[in-house]
Amino acid sequence: METKIANIEQIPEVTGSYVIRSNGKALYADFSANMRGSISYLLNVDREGLSEIRSSQNTVMWKKKSSLIEAMADAKDFIAKEPPELNQRLRLSDDYVYLAVDFRNAPVFKLESFTTGNLFYVGPFRNRFELMDTLYTMSELLGTPVCDEPVQPCSRLKKKKCLGWCLKKGDQKEMLIKHFLTPDFNWLSELKDQAERLMDDLEFEKADLITKQVRLLGSFYDNIRFLLCTKHIEGTVKLGDRDYRVEHDSMQYRDNELMAVDKTQYDERRAVYLWYLENEPEKIRAWMDLGTKLLHEKIQEELS
C-alpha cells in the first residue's frame, strides 16, 4: 500500500515495514510495531535531518506483517537492495535513554544517554518521558524513590510520598532488585484484580487510574524481562520458508552493563525476543532465570 505522507491517517497502527520516498527515491526505511505511530514521530519530533521527510509530496509505502521480526526482515531486505539516504545518517535510537541506578546513594535513579559512567545501567528505553512516569507511578504505589531534587532528604519524604530510602544505608539493593530489576507480573495481576473490583463497585475513575498504571508498569516489566534474557538468546527463528539465525551475543560489556545493550541493536533484539516470547516462551523463561541469577551474583560482587 502507498499514500502521500500527508495522509498519515491512512497508515494502519499495526506491525509492518515501511519506506518513505521522495520523487520515487527511497529516503528512509524501517520496521515498527505501530507504523502510523513511528511515522508520526518522524513528522513531529524536533530533530535535525528530518526536514526532508516532512515534504507533503513524499509518499509512504507500507506492508503489514504478522510479527515484528518478519517486518524487520522485510525492511532489512529492502535496505540491502536499495539503501535509503537517511538510513545512513539518521539513527532514531540515539534518542533512547538508559536508567542509571546507584545502589548506595541518592539520587538512586538518573536518566542518561550513554553507559560510560560507573553506575549500574538498565536499558535502553525508547521513551524517557514514559520511563519517568513509571518511576513516579512506582513511587505512588510503593513509596520507592524518585529523587527529583538536588538535595536529599527531599520534599517527597516530608510529604510522605517516599519511604526515605536515602536514609536507609545498605537497604537499597533488595528494594531495587525486587521492584525495578526483576519483573513482578504477579503484582500486576493483583493490580488488575483490584481494578476489576473497583469497576464492579462502580468506582470507574479509580479503576481507570489503576488500569493506566498497570499498562505503564506492564511495558516497563516487559522491557526488564527482555533485558535480562536478550544476551543469552540464540537459536533459529522461522520466518515462513526462511530461517533467521540468532547468534549468542559476543559483544564485550562491563559488569555494570549486565542489563544494558547497545542502542543500535535494541530494535532488532526486541524483534527476536518477541518472536521467542510468542513461539517458544519456555526458552524465554530459562534465559530470564539465567539473567536473574547473573544479576544477583554481579550486584553482590559490586556491593561486597
C-alpha atoms as a PDB file:
ATOM      1  CA  MET A   1       0.000   0.000   0.000  1.00  0.00           C
ATOM      2  CA  GLU A   2       1.166   3.540  -0.706  1.00  0.00           C
ATOM      3  CA  THR A   3      -0.101   7.022   0.130  1.00  0.00           C
ATOM      4  CA  LYS A   4       1.065  10.626   0.433  1.00  0.00           C
ATOM      5  CA  ILE A   5       2.811  11.238   3.742  1.00  0.00           C
ATOM      6  CA  ALA A   6       0.258  13.968   4.481  1.00  0.00           C
ATOM      7  CA  ASN A   7      -2.424  11.258   4.617  1.00  0.00           C
ATOM      8  CA  ILE A   8      -0.885   9.574   7.642  1.00  0.00           C
ATOM      9  CA  GLU A   9      -4.315   8.578   8.976  1.00  0.00           C
ATOM     10  CA  GLN A  10      -4.479   6.023   6.148  1.00  0.00           C
ATOM     11  CA  ILE A  11      -1.463   4.183   7.546  1.00  0.00           C
ATOM     12  CA  PRO A  12      -2.595   1.476   9.998  1.00  0.00           C
ATOM     13  CA  GLU A  13      -1.434   1.283  13.617  1.00  0.00           C
ATOM     14  CA  VAL A  14      -0.154  -2.253  13.153  1.00  0.00           C
ATOM     15  CA  THR A  15       3.121  -4.126  12.767  1.00  0.00           C
ATOM     16  CA  GLY A  16       4.877  -3.786   9.442  1.00  0.00           C
ATOM     17  CA  SER A  17       7.694  -2.330   7.339  1.00  0.00           C
ATOM     18  CA  TYR A  18       7.602   0.993   5.534  1.00  0.00           C
ATOM     19  CA  VAL A  19       9.567   3.087   3.061  1.00  0.00           C
ATOM     20  CA  ILE A  20       9.369   6.874   2.726  1.00  0.00           C
ATOM     21  CA  ARG A  21      10.111   8.069  -0.821  1.00  0.00           C
ATOM     22  CA  SER A  22      10.802  11.423  -2.451  1.00  0.00           C
ATOM     23  CA  ASN A  23      10.222  11.559  -6.215  1.00  0.00           C
ATOM     24  CA  GLY A  24      10.441   7.792  -6.270  1.00  0.00           C
ATOM     25  CA  LYS A  25      13.774   7.684  -4.438  1.00  0.00           C
ATOM     26  CA  ALA A  26      13.950   5.902  -1.074  1.00  0.00           C
ATOM     27  CA  LEU A  27      14.665   8.345   1.765  1.00  0.00           C
ATOM     28  CA  TYR A  28      14.125   6.188   4.847  1.00  0.00           C
ATOM     29  CA  ALA A  29      13.038   2.609   5.559  1.00  0.00           C
ATOM     30  CA  ASP A  30      12.286   0.908   8.864  1.00  0.00           C
ATOM     31  CA  PHE A  31      10.002  -1.514  10.700  1.00  0.00           C
ATOM     32  CA  SER A  32       7.664  -0.941  13.612  1.00  0.00           C
ATOM     33  CA  ALA A  33       5.020  -2.477  15.839  1.00  0.00           C
ATOM     34  CA  ASN A  34       2.951   0.661  15.129  1.00  0.00           C
ATOM     35  CA  MET A  35       3.710   2.052  11.686  1.00  0.00           C
ATOM     36  CA  ARG A  36       1.496   5.124  11.974  1.00  0.00           C
ATOM     37  CA  GLY A  37       2.944   5.951  15.391  1.00  0.00           C
ATOM     38  CA  SER A  38       6.527   5.636  14.161  1.00  0.00           C
ATOM     39  CA  ILE A  39       5.958   7.743  11.055  1.00  0.00           C
ATOM     40  CA  SER A  40       4.066  10.337  13.097  1.00  0.00           C
ATOM     41  CA  TYR A  41       7.106  10.554  15.369  1.00  0.00           C
ATOM     42  CA  LEU A  42       9.316  11.251  12.347  1.00  0.00           C
ATOM     43  CA  LEU A  43       6.976  14.024  11.262  1.00  0.00           C
ATOM     44  CA  ASN A  44       6.710  15.730  14.649  1.00  0.00           C
ATOM     45  CA  VAL A  45       9.925  15.259  16.622  1.00  0.00           C
ATOM     46  CA  ASP A  46      12.265  18.261  16.740  1.00  0.00           C
ATOM     47  CA  ARG A  47      15.395  16.716  15.319  1.00  0.00           C
ATOM     48  CA  GLU A  48      17.999  17.677  12.748  1.00  0.00           C
ATOM     49  CA  GLY A  49      17.878  15.714   9.500  1.00  0.00           C
ATOM     50  CA  LEU A  50      14.131  15.128   9.347  1.00  0.00           C
ATOM     51  CA  SER A  51      13.111  18.116   7.215  1.00  0.00           C
ATOM     52  CA  GLU A  52      13.477  16.068   4.030  1.00  0.00           C
ATOM     53  CA  ILE A  53      10.993  13.513   5.297  1.00  0.00           C
ATOM     54  CA  ARG A  54       8.324  16.111   6.065  1.00  0.00           C
ATOM     55  CA  SER A  55       7.683  17.247   2.496  1.00  0.00           C
ATOM     56  CA  SER A  56       3.970  16.851   1.733  1.00  0.00           C
ATOM     57  CA  GLN A  57       4.900  15.456  -1.689  1.00  0.00           C
ATOM     58  CA  ASN A  58       6.672  12.449  -0.171  1.00  0.00           C
ATOM     59  CA  THR A  59       4.954   9.081  -0.191  1.00  0.00           C
ATOM     60  CA  VAL A  60       4.919   6.148   2.200  1.00  0.00           C
ATOM     61  CA  MET A  61       4.763   2.541   1.036  1.00  0.00           C
ATOM     62  CA  TRP A  62       3.988   0.014   3.753  1.00  0.00           C
ATOM     63  CA  LYS A  63       3.425  -3.689   4.250  1.00  0.00           C
ATOM     64  CA  LYS A  64       1.551  -5.295   7.116  1.00  0.00           C
ATOM     65  CA  LYS A  65       3.355  -8.188   8.803  1.00  0.00           C
ATOM     66  CA  SER A  66       2.196 -10.756  11.333  1.00  0.00           C
ATOM     67  CA  SER A  67       5.245 -10.336  13.575  1.00  0.00           C
ATOM     68  CA  LEU A  68       7.866  -7.707  14.294  1.00  0.00           C
ATOM     69  CA  ILE A  69      10.694  -9.979  13.200  1.00  0.00           C
ATOM     70  CA  GLU A  70       9.030 -10.518   9.803  1.00  0.00           C
ATOM     71  CA  ALA A  71       8.738  -6.746   9.448  1.00  0.00           C
ATOM     72  CA  MET A  72      12.401  -6.406  10.424  1.00  0.00           C
ATOM     73  CA  ALA A  73      13.490  -8.986   7.861  1.00  0.00           C
ATOM     74  CA  ASP A  74      11.455  -7.250   5.147  1.00  0.00           C
ATOM     75  CA  ALA A  75      12.959  -3.841   5.990  1.00  0.00           C
ATOM     76  CA  LYS A  76      16.491  -5.262   6.059  1.00  0.00           C
ATOM     77  CA  ASP A  77      15.969  -6.902   2.649  1.00  0.00           C
ATOM     78  CA  PHE A  78      14.784  -3.603   1.174  1.00  0.00           C
ATOM     79  CA  ILE A  79      17.653  -1.598   2.696  1.00  0.00           C
ATOM     80  CA  ALA A  80      20.179  -4.079   1.303  1.00  0.00           C
ATOM     81  CA  LYS A  81      18.723  -3.755  -2.219  1.00  0.00           C
ATOM     82  CA  GLU A  82      18.050  -0.004  -2.247  1.00  0.00           C
ATOM     83  CA  PRO A  83      19.923   1.763   0.598  1.00  0.00           C
ATOM     84  CA  PRO A  84      17.867   4.818   1.610  1.00  0.00           C
ATOM     85  CA  GLU A  85      19.846   8.014   2.004  1.00  0.00           C
ATOM     86  CA  LEU A  86      18.695   8.903   5.518  1.00  0.00           C
ATOM     87  CA  ASN A  87      19.263   5.444   6.982  1.00  0.00           C
ATOM     88  CA  GLN A  88      22.976   6.132   6.724  1.00  0.00           C
ATOM     89  CA  ARG A  89      22.876   9.211   8.966  1.00  0.00           C
ATOM     90  CA  LEU A  90      19.596   9.177  10.886  1.00  0.00           C
ATOM     91  CA  ARG A  91      19.523   6.845  13.891  1.00  0.00           C
ATOM     92  CA  LEU A  92      16.358   7.164  15.954  1.00  0.00           C
ATOM     93  CA  SER A  93      17.976   5.002  18.615  1.00  0.00           C
ATOM     94  CA  ASP A  94      20.165   7.985  19.529  1.00  0.00           C
ATOM     95  CA  ASP A  95      17.121   9.312  21.426  1.00  0.00           C
ATOM     96  CA  TYR A  96      16.808   6.178  23.572  1.00  0.00           C
ATOM     97  CA  VAL A  97      17.774   6.505  27.226  1.00  0.00           C
ATOM     98  CA  TYR A  98      19.273   4.333  29.970  1.00  0.00           C
ATOM     99  CA  LEU A  99      18.142   4.088  33.580  1.00  0.00           C
ATOM    100  CA  ALA A 100      21.299   4.551  35.685  1.00  0.00           C
ATOM    101  CA  VAL A 101      20.992   3.004  39.160  1.00  0.00           C
ATOM    102  CA  ASP A 102      23.037   3.884  42.258  1.00  0.00           C
ATOM    103  CA  PHE A 103      22.723   1.127  44.866  1.00  0.00           C
ATOM    104  CA  ARG A 104      24.333   3.132  47.663  1.00  0.00           C
ATOM    105  CA  ASN A 105      23.499   6.818  47.408  1.00  0.00           C
ATOM    106  CA  ALA A 106      20.715   9.200  46.458  1.00  0.00           C
ATOM    107  CA  PRO A 107      19.697  10.088  43.861  1.00  0.00           C
ATOM    108  CA  VAL A 108      19.032   6.405  43.236  1.00  0.00           C
ATOM    109  CA  PHE A 109      17.996   6.918  39.603  1.00  0.00           C
ATOM    110  CA  LYS A 110      19.306   9.039  36.770  1.00  0.00           C
ATOM    111  CA  LEU A 111      18.357   9.036  33.089  1.00  0.00           C
ATOM    112  CA  GLU A 112      21.474   9.015  30.913  1.00  0.00           C
ATOM    113  CA  SER A 113      22.131   8.806  27.184  1.00  0.00           C
ATOM    114  CA  PHE A 114      25.235   6.628  27.496  1.00  0.00           C
ATOM    115  CA  THR A 115      26.647   3.905  29.754  1.00  0.00           C
ATOM    116  CA  THR A 116      30.100   5.434  30.167  1.00  0.00           C
ATOM    117  CA  GLY A 117      29.847   6.097  33.916  1.00  0.00           C
ATOM    118  CA  ASN A 118      30.208   3.801  36.911  1.00  0.00           C
ATOM    119  CA  LEU A 119      26.543   3.357  37.862  1.00  0.00           C
ATOM    120  CA  PHE A 120      24.534   0.224  37.046  1.00  0.00           C
ATOM    121  CA  TYR A 121      22.849   0.694  33.677  1.00  0.00           C
ATOM    122  CA  VAL A 122      19.481  -0.682  32.585  1.00  0.00           C
ATOM    123  CA  GLY A 123      18.143  -0.217  29.099  1.00  0.00           C
ATOM    124  CA  PRO A 124      17.799   1.358  26.757  1.00  0.00           C
ATOM    125  CA  PHE A 125      14.211   2.566  26.920  1.00  0.00           C
ATOM    126  CA  ARG A 126      12.636   4.182  23.865  1.00  0.00           C
ATOM    127  CA  ASN A 127      10.736   6.920  25.695  1.00  0.00           C
ATOM    128  CA  ARG A 128      12.327   8.914  28.518  1.00  0.00           C
ATOM    129  CA  PHE A 129       9.000  10.520  29.466  1.00  0.00           C
ATOM    130  CA  GLU A 130       7.294   7.152  29.815  1.00  0.00           C
ATOM    131  CA  LEU A 131      10.210   5.931  31.924  1.00  0.00           C
ATOM    132  CA  MET A 132       9.885   8.928  34.279  1.00  0.00           C
ATOM    133  CA  ASP A 133       6.128   8.328  34.502  1.00  0.00           C
ATOM    134  CA  THR A 134       6.920   4.750  35.506  1.00  0.00           C
ATOM    135  CA  LEU A 135       9.262   5.878  38.298  1.00  0.00           C
ATOM    136  CA  TYR A 136       6.607   8.243  39.644  1.00  0.00           C
ATOM    137  CA  THR A 137       3.937   5.542  39.404  1.00  0.00           C
ATOM    138  CA  MET A 138       6.112   3.093  41.360  1.00  0.00           C
ATOM    139  CA  SER A 139       6.696   5.793  43.957  1.00  0.00           C
ATOM    140  CA  GLU A 140       2.970   6.461  44.329  1.00  0.00           C
ATOM    141  CA  LEU A 141       2.143   2.777  44.705  1.00  0.00           C
ATOM    142  CA  LEU A 142       5.135   1.533  46.732  1.00  0.00           C
ATOM    143  CA  GLY A 143       6.914   4.533  48.206  1.00  0.00           C
ATOM    144  CA  THR A 144      10.032   3.847  46.128  1.00  0.00           C
ATOM    145  CA  PRO A 145      12.433   6.726  45.361  1.00  0.00           C
ATOM    146  CA  VAL A 146      12.332   9.210  42.517  1.00  0.00           C
ATOM    147  CA  CYS A 147      14.893  11.704  43.896  1.00  0.00           C
ATOM    148  CA  ASP A 148      13.988  14.532  41.530  1.00  0.00           C
ATOM    149  CA  GLU A 149      15.523  17.269  43.722  1.00  0.00           C
ATOM    150  CA  PRO A 150      19.234  18.112  44.108  1.00  0.00           C
ATOM    151  CA  VAL A 151      19.300  17.732  47.898  1.00  0.00           C
ATOM    152  CA  GLN A 152      18.172  14.703  49.926  1.00  0.00           C
ATOM    153  CA  PRO A 153      16.123  14.150  52.007  1.00  0.00           C
ATOM    154  CA  CYS A 154      13.771  15.960  49.664  1.00  0.00           C
ATOM    155  CA  SER A 155      10.217  17.291  49.894  1.00  0.00           C
ATOM    156  CA  ARG A 156       8.791  13.933  48.787  1.00  0.00           C
ATOM    157  CA  LEU A 157       9.842  12.430  52.121  1.00  0.00           C
ATOM    158  CA  LYS A 158       8.310  15.330  54.045  1.00  0.00           C
ATOM    159  CA  LYS A 159       5.049  14.812  52.127  1.00  0.00           C
ATOM    160  CA  LYS A 160       5.255  11.050  52.882  1.00  0.00           C
ATOM    161  CA  LYS A 161       5.432  10.171  49.190  1.00  0.00           C
ATOM    162  CA  CYS A 162       8.656   8.228  49.754  1.00  0.00           C
ATOM    163  CA  LEU A 163       9.829   5.867  52.475  1.00  0.00           C
ATOM    164  CA  GLY A 164      13.149   7.678  52.818  1.00  0.00           C
ATOM    165  CA  TRP A 165      15.485   5.310  51.034  1.00  0.00           C
ATOM    166  CA  CYS A 166      18.232   7.944  51.071  1.00  0.00           C
ATOM    167  CA  LEU A 167      18.374   7.445  54.862  1.00  0.00           C
ATOM    168  CA  LYS A 168      18.386   3.624  54.772  1.00  0.00           C
ATOM    169  CA  LYS A 169      22.022   2.920  54.102  1.00  0.00           C
ATOM    170  CA  GLY A 170      22.641  -0.548  52.702  1.00  0.00           C
ATOM    171  CA  ASP A 171      18.965  -1.389  52.175  1.00  0.00           C
ATOM    172  CA  GLN A 172      18.551  -0.209  48.598  1.00  0.00           C
ATOM    173  CA  LYS A 173      19.853  -3.337  46.868  1.00  0.00           C
ATOM    174  CA  GLU A 174      16.969  -5.632  47.849  1.00  0.00           C
ATOM    175  CA  MET A 175      14.355  -2.980  47.082  1.00  0.00           C
ATOM    176  CA  LEU A 176      15.822  -2.176  43.673  1.00  0.00           C
ATOM    177  CA  ILE A 177      16.167  -5.817  42.628  1.00  0.00           C
ATOM    178  CA  LYS A 178      12.629  -6.642  43.742  1.00  0.00           C
ATOM    179  CA  HIS A 179      10.783  -3.693  42.226  1.00  0.00           C
ATOM    180  CA  PHE A 180      12.935  -2.477  39.340  1.00  0.00           C
ATOM    181  CA  LEU A 181      15.415  -5.105  38.147  1.00  0.00           C
ATOM    182  CA  THR A 182      13.149  -8.166  38.041  1.00  0.00           C
ATOM    183  CA  PRO A 183       9.631  -8.198  36.556  1.00  0.00           C
ATOM    184  CA  ASP A 184       6.845  -8.663  39.114  1.00  0.00           C
ATOM    185  CA  PHE A 185       3.964  -9.872  36.953  1.00  0.00           C
ATOM    186  CA  ASN A 186       2.166 -11.318  39.994  1.00  0.00           C
ATOM    187  CA  TRP A 187       1.885  -7.812  41.422  1.00  0.00           C
ATOM    188  CA  LEU A 188       0.464  -6.591  38.112  1.00  0.00           C
ATOM    189  CA  SER A 189      -2.169  -9.358  38.256  1.00  0.00           C
ATOM    190  CA  GLU A 190      -3.137  -8.193  41.732  1.00  0.00           C
ATOM    191  CA  LEU A 191      -3.495  -4.623  40.474  1.00  0.00           C
ATOM    192  CA  LYS A 192      -5.663  -5.824  37.582  1.00  0.00           C
ATOM    193  CA  ASP A 193      -7.914  -7.691  40.040  1.00  0.00           C
ATOM    194  CA  GLN A 194      -8.145  -4.543  42.134  1.00  0.00           C
ATOM    195  CA  ALA A 195      -9.216  -2.524  39.090  1.00  0.00           C
ATOM    196  CA  GLU A 196     -11.901  -5.103  38.254  1.00  0.00           C
ATOM    197  CA  ARG A 197     -13.278  -4.960  41.808  1.00  0.00           C
ATOM    198  CA  LEU A 198     -13.426  -1.171  41.595  1.00  0.00           C
ATOM    199  CA  MET A 199     -15.310  -1.450  38.302  1.00  0.00           C
ATOM    200  CA  ASP A 200     -17.796  -3.820  39.946  1.00  0.00           C
ATOM    201  CA  ASP A 201     -18.251  -1.259  42.741  1.00  0.00           C
ATOM    202  CA  LEU A 202     -18.813   1.474  40.132  1.00  0.00           C
ATOM    203  CA  GLU A 203     -15.597   3.265  41.138  1.00  0.00           C
ATOM    204  CA  PHE A 204     -14.826   3.989  37.495  1.00  0.00           C
ATOM    205  CA  GLU A 205     -12.328   6.813  37.971  1.00  0.00           C
ATOM    206  CA  LYS A 206     -10.177   4.825  40.402  1.00  0.00           C
ATOM    207  CA  ALA A 207     -10.404   1.716  38.211  1.00  0.00           C
ATOM    208  CA  ASP A 208      -9.327   3.694  35.157  1.00  0.00           C
ATOM    209  CA  LEU A 209      -6.308   5.102  37.026  1.00  0.00           C
ATOM    210  CA  ILE A 210      -5.118   1.649  38.109  1.00  0.00           C
ATOM    211  CA  THR A 211      -5.673   0.277  34.594  1.00  0.00           C
ATOM    212  CA  LYS A 212      -3.410   3.007  33.194  1.00  0.00           C
ATOM    213  CA  GLN A 213      -0.817   2.262  35.877  1.00  0.00           C
ATOM    214  CA  VAL A 214      -0.891  -1.440  35.017  1.00  0.00           C
ATOM    215  CA  ARG A 215      -0.380  -0.660  31.333  1.00  0.00           C
ATOM    216  CA  LEU A 216       2.616   1.553  32.138  1.00  0.00           C
ATOM    217  CA  LEU A 217       4.182  -0.936  34.557  1.00  0.00           C
ATOM    218  CA  GLY A 218       3.496  -3.824  32.180  1.00  0.00           C
ATOM    219  CA  SER A 219       5.516  -2.114  29.450  1.00  0.00           C
ATOM    220  CA  PHE A 220       8.350  -1.453  31.917  1.00  0.00           C
ATOM    221  CA  TYR A 221       8.441  -5.033  33.210  1.00  0.00           C
ATOM    222  CA  ASP A 222       8.326  -6.459  29.700  1.00  0.00           C
ATOM    223  CA  ASN A 223      11.434  -4.439  28.871  1.00  0.00           C
ATOM    224  CA  ILE A 224      13.122  -5.633  32.089  1.00  0.00           C
ATOM    225  CA  ARG A 225      12.403  -9.262  31.145  1.00  0.00           C
ATOM    226  CA  PHE A 226      13.799  -8.586  27.674  1.00  0.00           C
ATOM    227  CA  LEU A 227      16.977  -7.049  29.120  1.00  0.00           C
ATOM    228  CA  LEU A 228      17.515  -9.977  31.485  1.00  0.00           C
ATOM    229  CA  CYS A 229      17.383 -12.570  28.723  1.00  0.00           C
ATOM    230  CA  THR A 230      18.401 -10.925  25.440  1.00  0.00           C
ATOM    231  CA  LYS A 231      22.148 -11.522  25.735  1.00  0.00           C
ATOM    232  CA  HIS A 232      21.533 -15.254  26.190  1.00  0.00           C
ATOM    233  CA  ILE A 233      19.205 -15.746  23.222  1.00  0.00           C
ATOM    234  CA  GLU A 234      20.474 -17.985  20.437  1.00  0.00           C
ATOM    235  CA  GLY A 235      18.771 -20.325  18.002  1.00  0.00           C
ATOM    236  CA  THR A 236      16.854 -20.314  14.740  1.00  0.00           C
ATOM    237  CA  VAL A 237      13.777 -18.203  14.144  1.00  0.00           C
ATOM    238  CA  LYS A 238      11.356 -19.464  11.485  1.00  0.00           C
ATOM    239  CA  LEU A 239      10.098 -16.866   9.024  1.00  0.00           C
ATOM    240  CA  GLY A 240       7.847 -18.801   6.672  1.00  0.00           C
ATOM    241  CA  ASP A 241      10.201 -20.788   4.470  1.00  0.00           C
ATOM    242  CA  ARG A 242      13.237 -18.853   5.717  1.00  0.00           C
ATOM    243  CA  ASP A 243      15.458 -19.399   8.753  1.00  0.00           C
ATOM    244  CA  TYR A 244      16.850 -16.440  10.658  1.00  0.00           C
ATOM    245  CA  ARG A 245      19.861 -17.496  12.710  1.00  0.00           C
ATOM    246  CA  VAL A 246      20.346 -15.741  16.052  1.00  0.00           C
ATOM    247  CA  GLU A 247      23.880 -15.960  17.387  1.00  0.00           C
ATOM    248  CA  HIS A 248      24.843 -15.724  21.045  1.00  0.00           C
ATOM    249  CA  ASP A 249      25.861 -12.180  21.937  1.00  0.00           C
ATOM    250  CA  SER A 250      29.637 -11.823  21.704  1.00  0.00           C
ATOM    251  CA  MET A 251      29.850  -8.073  22.358  1.00  0.00           C
ATOM    252  CA  GLN A 252      32.009  -7.061  25.313  1.00  0.00           C
ATOM    253  CA  TYR A 253      30.116  -5.412  28.162  1.00  0.00           C
ATOM    254  CA  ARG A 254      31.260  -4.250  31.583  1.00  0.00           C
ATOM    255  CA  ASP A 255      29.745  -5.795  34.724  1.00  0.00           C
ATOM    256  CA  ASN A 256      27.651  -2.651  35.315  1.00  0.00           C
ATOM    257  CA  GLU A 257      26.171  -3.108  31.808  1.00  0.00           C
ATOM    258  CA  LEU A 258      24.725  -6.529  32.614  1.00  0.00           C
ATOM    259  CA  MET A 259      21.199  -5.231  31.855  1.00  0.00           C
ATOM    260  CA  ALA A 260      22.229  -2.780  29.136  1.00  0.00           C
ATOM    261  CA  VAL A 261      22.566  -3.333  25.401  1.00  0.00           C
ATOM    262  CA  ASP A 262      23.831  -1.106  22.619  1.00  0.00           C
ATOM    263  CA  LYS A 263      21.157   1.312  21.403  1.00  0.00           C
ATOM    264  CA  THR A 264      21.703   0.426  17.764  1.00  0.00           C
ATOM    265  CA  GLN A 265      20.967  -3.258  18.497  1.00  0.00           C
ATOM    266  CA  TYR A 266      17.858  -2.665  20.578  1.00  0.00           C
ATOM    267  CA  ASP A 267      15.091  -2.812  17.958  1.00  0.00           C
ATOM    268  CA  GLU A 268      16.407  -5.957  16.277  1.00  0.00           C
ATOM    269  CA  ARG A 269      16.944  -7.645  19.645  1.00  0.00           C
ATOM    270  CA  ARG A 270      13.351  -6.784  20.625  1.00  0.00           C
ATOM    271  CA  ALA A 271      12.000  -8.328  17.425  1.00  0.00           C
ATOM    272  CA  VAL A 272      13.842 -11.591  18.136  1.00  0.00           C
ATOM    273  CA  TYR A 273      12.761 -11.573  21.793  1.00  0.00           C
ATOM    274  CA  LEU A 274       9.095 -11.075  20.888  1.00  0.00           C
ATOM    275  CA  TRP A 275       9.228 -13.985  18.430  1.00  0.00           C
ATOM    276  CA  TYR A 276      10.538 -16.304  21.129  1.00  0.00           C
ATOM    277  CA  LEU A 277       8.080 -14.940  23.694  1.00  0.00           C
ATOM    278  CA  GLU A 278       5.185 -15.857  21.399  1.00  0.00           C
ATOM    279  CA  ASN A 279       6.514 -19.090  19.908  1.00  0.00           C
ATOM    280  CA  GLU A 280       8.882 -20.589  22.499  1.00  0.00           C
ATOM    281  CA  PRO A 281       8.089 -18.918  25.847  1.00  0.00           C
ATOM    282  CA  GLU A 282       9.759 -21.709  27.834  1.00  0.00           C
ATOM    283  CA  LYS A 283      13.116 -20.586  26.402  1.00  0.00           C
ATOM    284  CA  ILE A 284      12.424 -17.003  27.428  1.00  0.00           C
ATOM    285  CA  ARG A 285      11.769 -18.228  30.990  1.00  0.00           C
ATOM    286  CA  ALA A 286      15.047 -20.193  31.013  1.00  0.00           C
ATOM    287  CA  TRP A 287      17.063 -17.262  29.622  1.00  0.00           C
ATOM    288  CA  MET A 288      15.440 -14.885  32.108  1.00  0.00           C
ATOM    289  CA  ASP A 289      16.259 -17.229  35.006  1.00  0.00           C
ATOM    290  CA  LEU A 290      19.877 -17.263  33.858  1.00  0.00           C
ATOM    291  CA  GLY A 291      19.933 -13.484  33.566  1.00  0.00           C
ATOM    292  CA  THR A 292      18.378 -13.093  37.024  1.00  0.00           C
ATOM    293  CA  LYS A 293      20.964 -15.434  38.534  1.00  0.00           C
ATOM    294  CA  LEU A 294      23.811 -13.436  36.989  1.00  0.00           C
ATOM    295  CA  LEU A 295      22.184 -10.201  38.162  1.00  0.00           C
ATOM    296  CA  HIS A 296      22.216 -11.292  41.792  1.00  0.00           C
ATOM    297  CA  GLU A 297      25.813 -12.504  41.518  1.00  0.00           C
ATOM    298  CA  LYS A 298      27.121  -9.330  39.875  1.00  0.00           C
ATOM    299  CA  ILE A 299      25.347  -6.960  42.241  1.00  0.00           C
ATOM    300  CA  GLN A 300      26.581  -8.931  45.241  1.00  0.00           C
ATOM    301  CA  GLU A 301      30.147  -8.676  43.886  1.00  0.00           C
ATOM    302  CA  GLU A 302      29.750  -4.946  43.245  1.00  0.00           C
ATOM    303  CA  LEU A 303      28.498  -4.213  46.742  1.00  0.00           C
ATOM    304  CA  SER A 304      30.829  -6.541  48.626  1.00  0.00           C
END
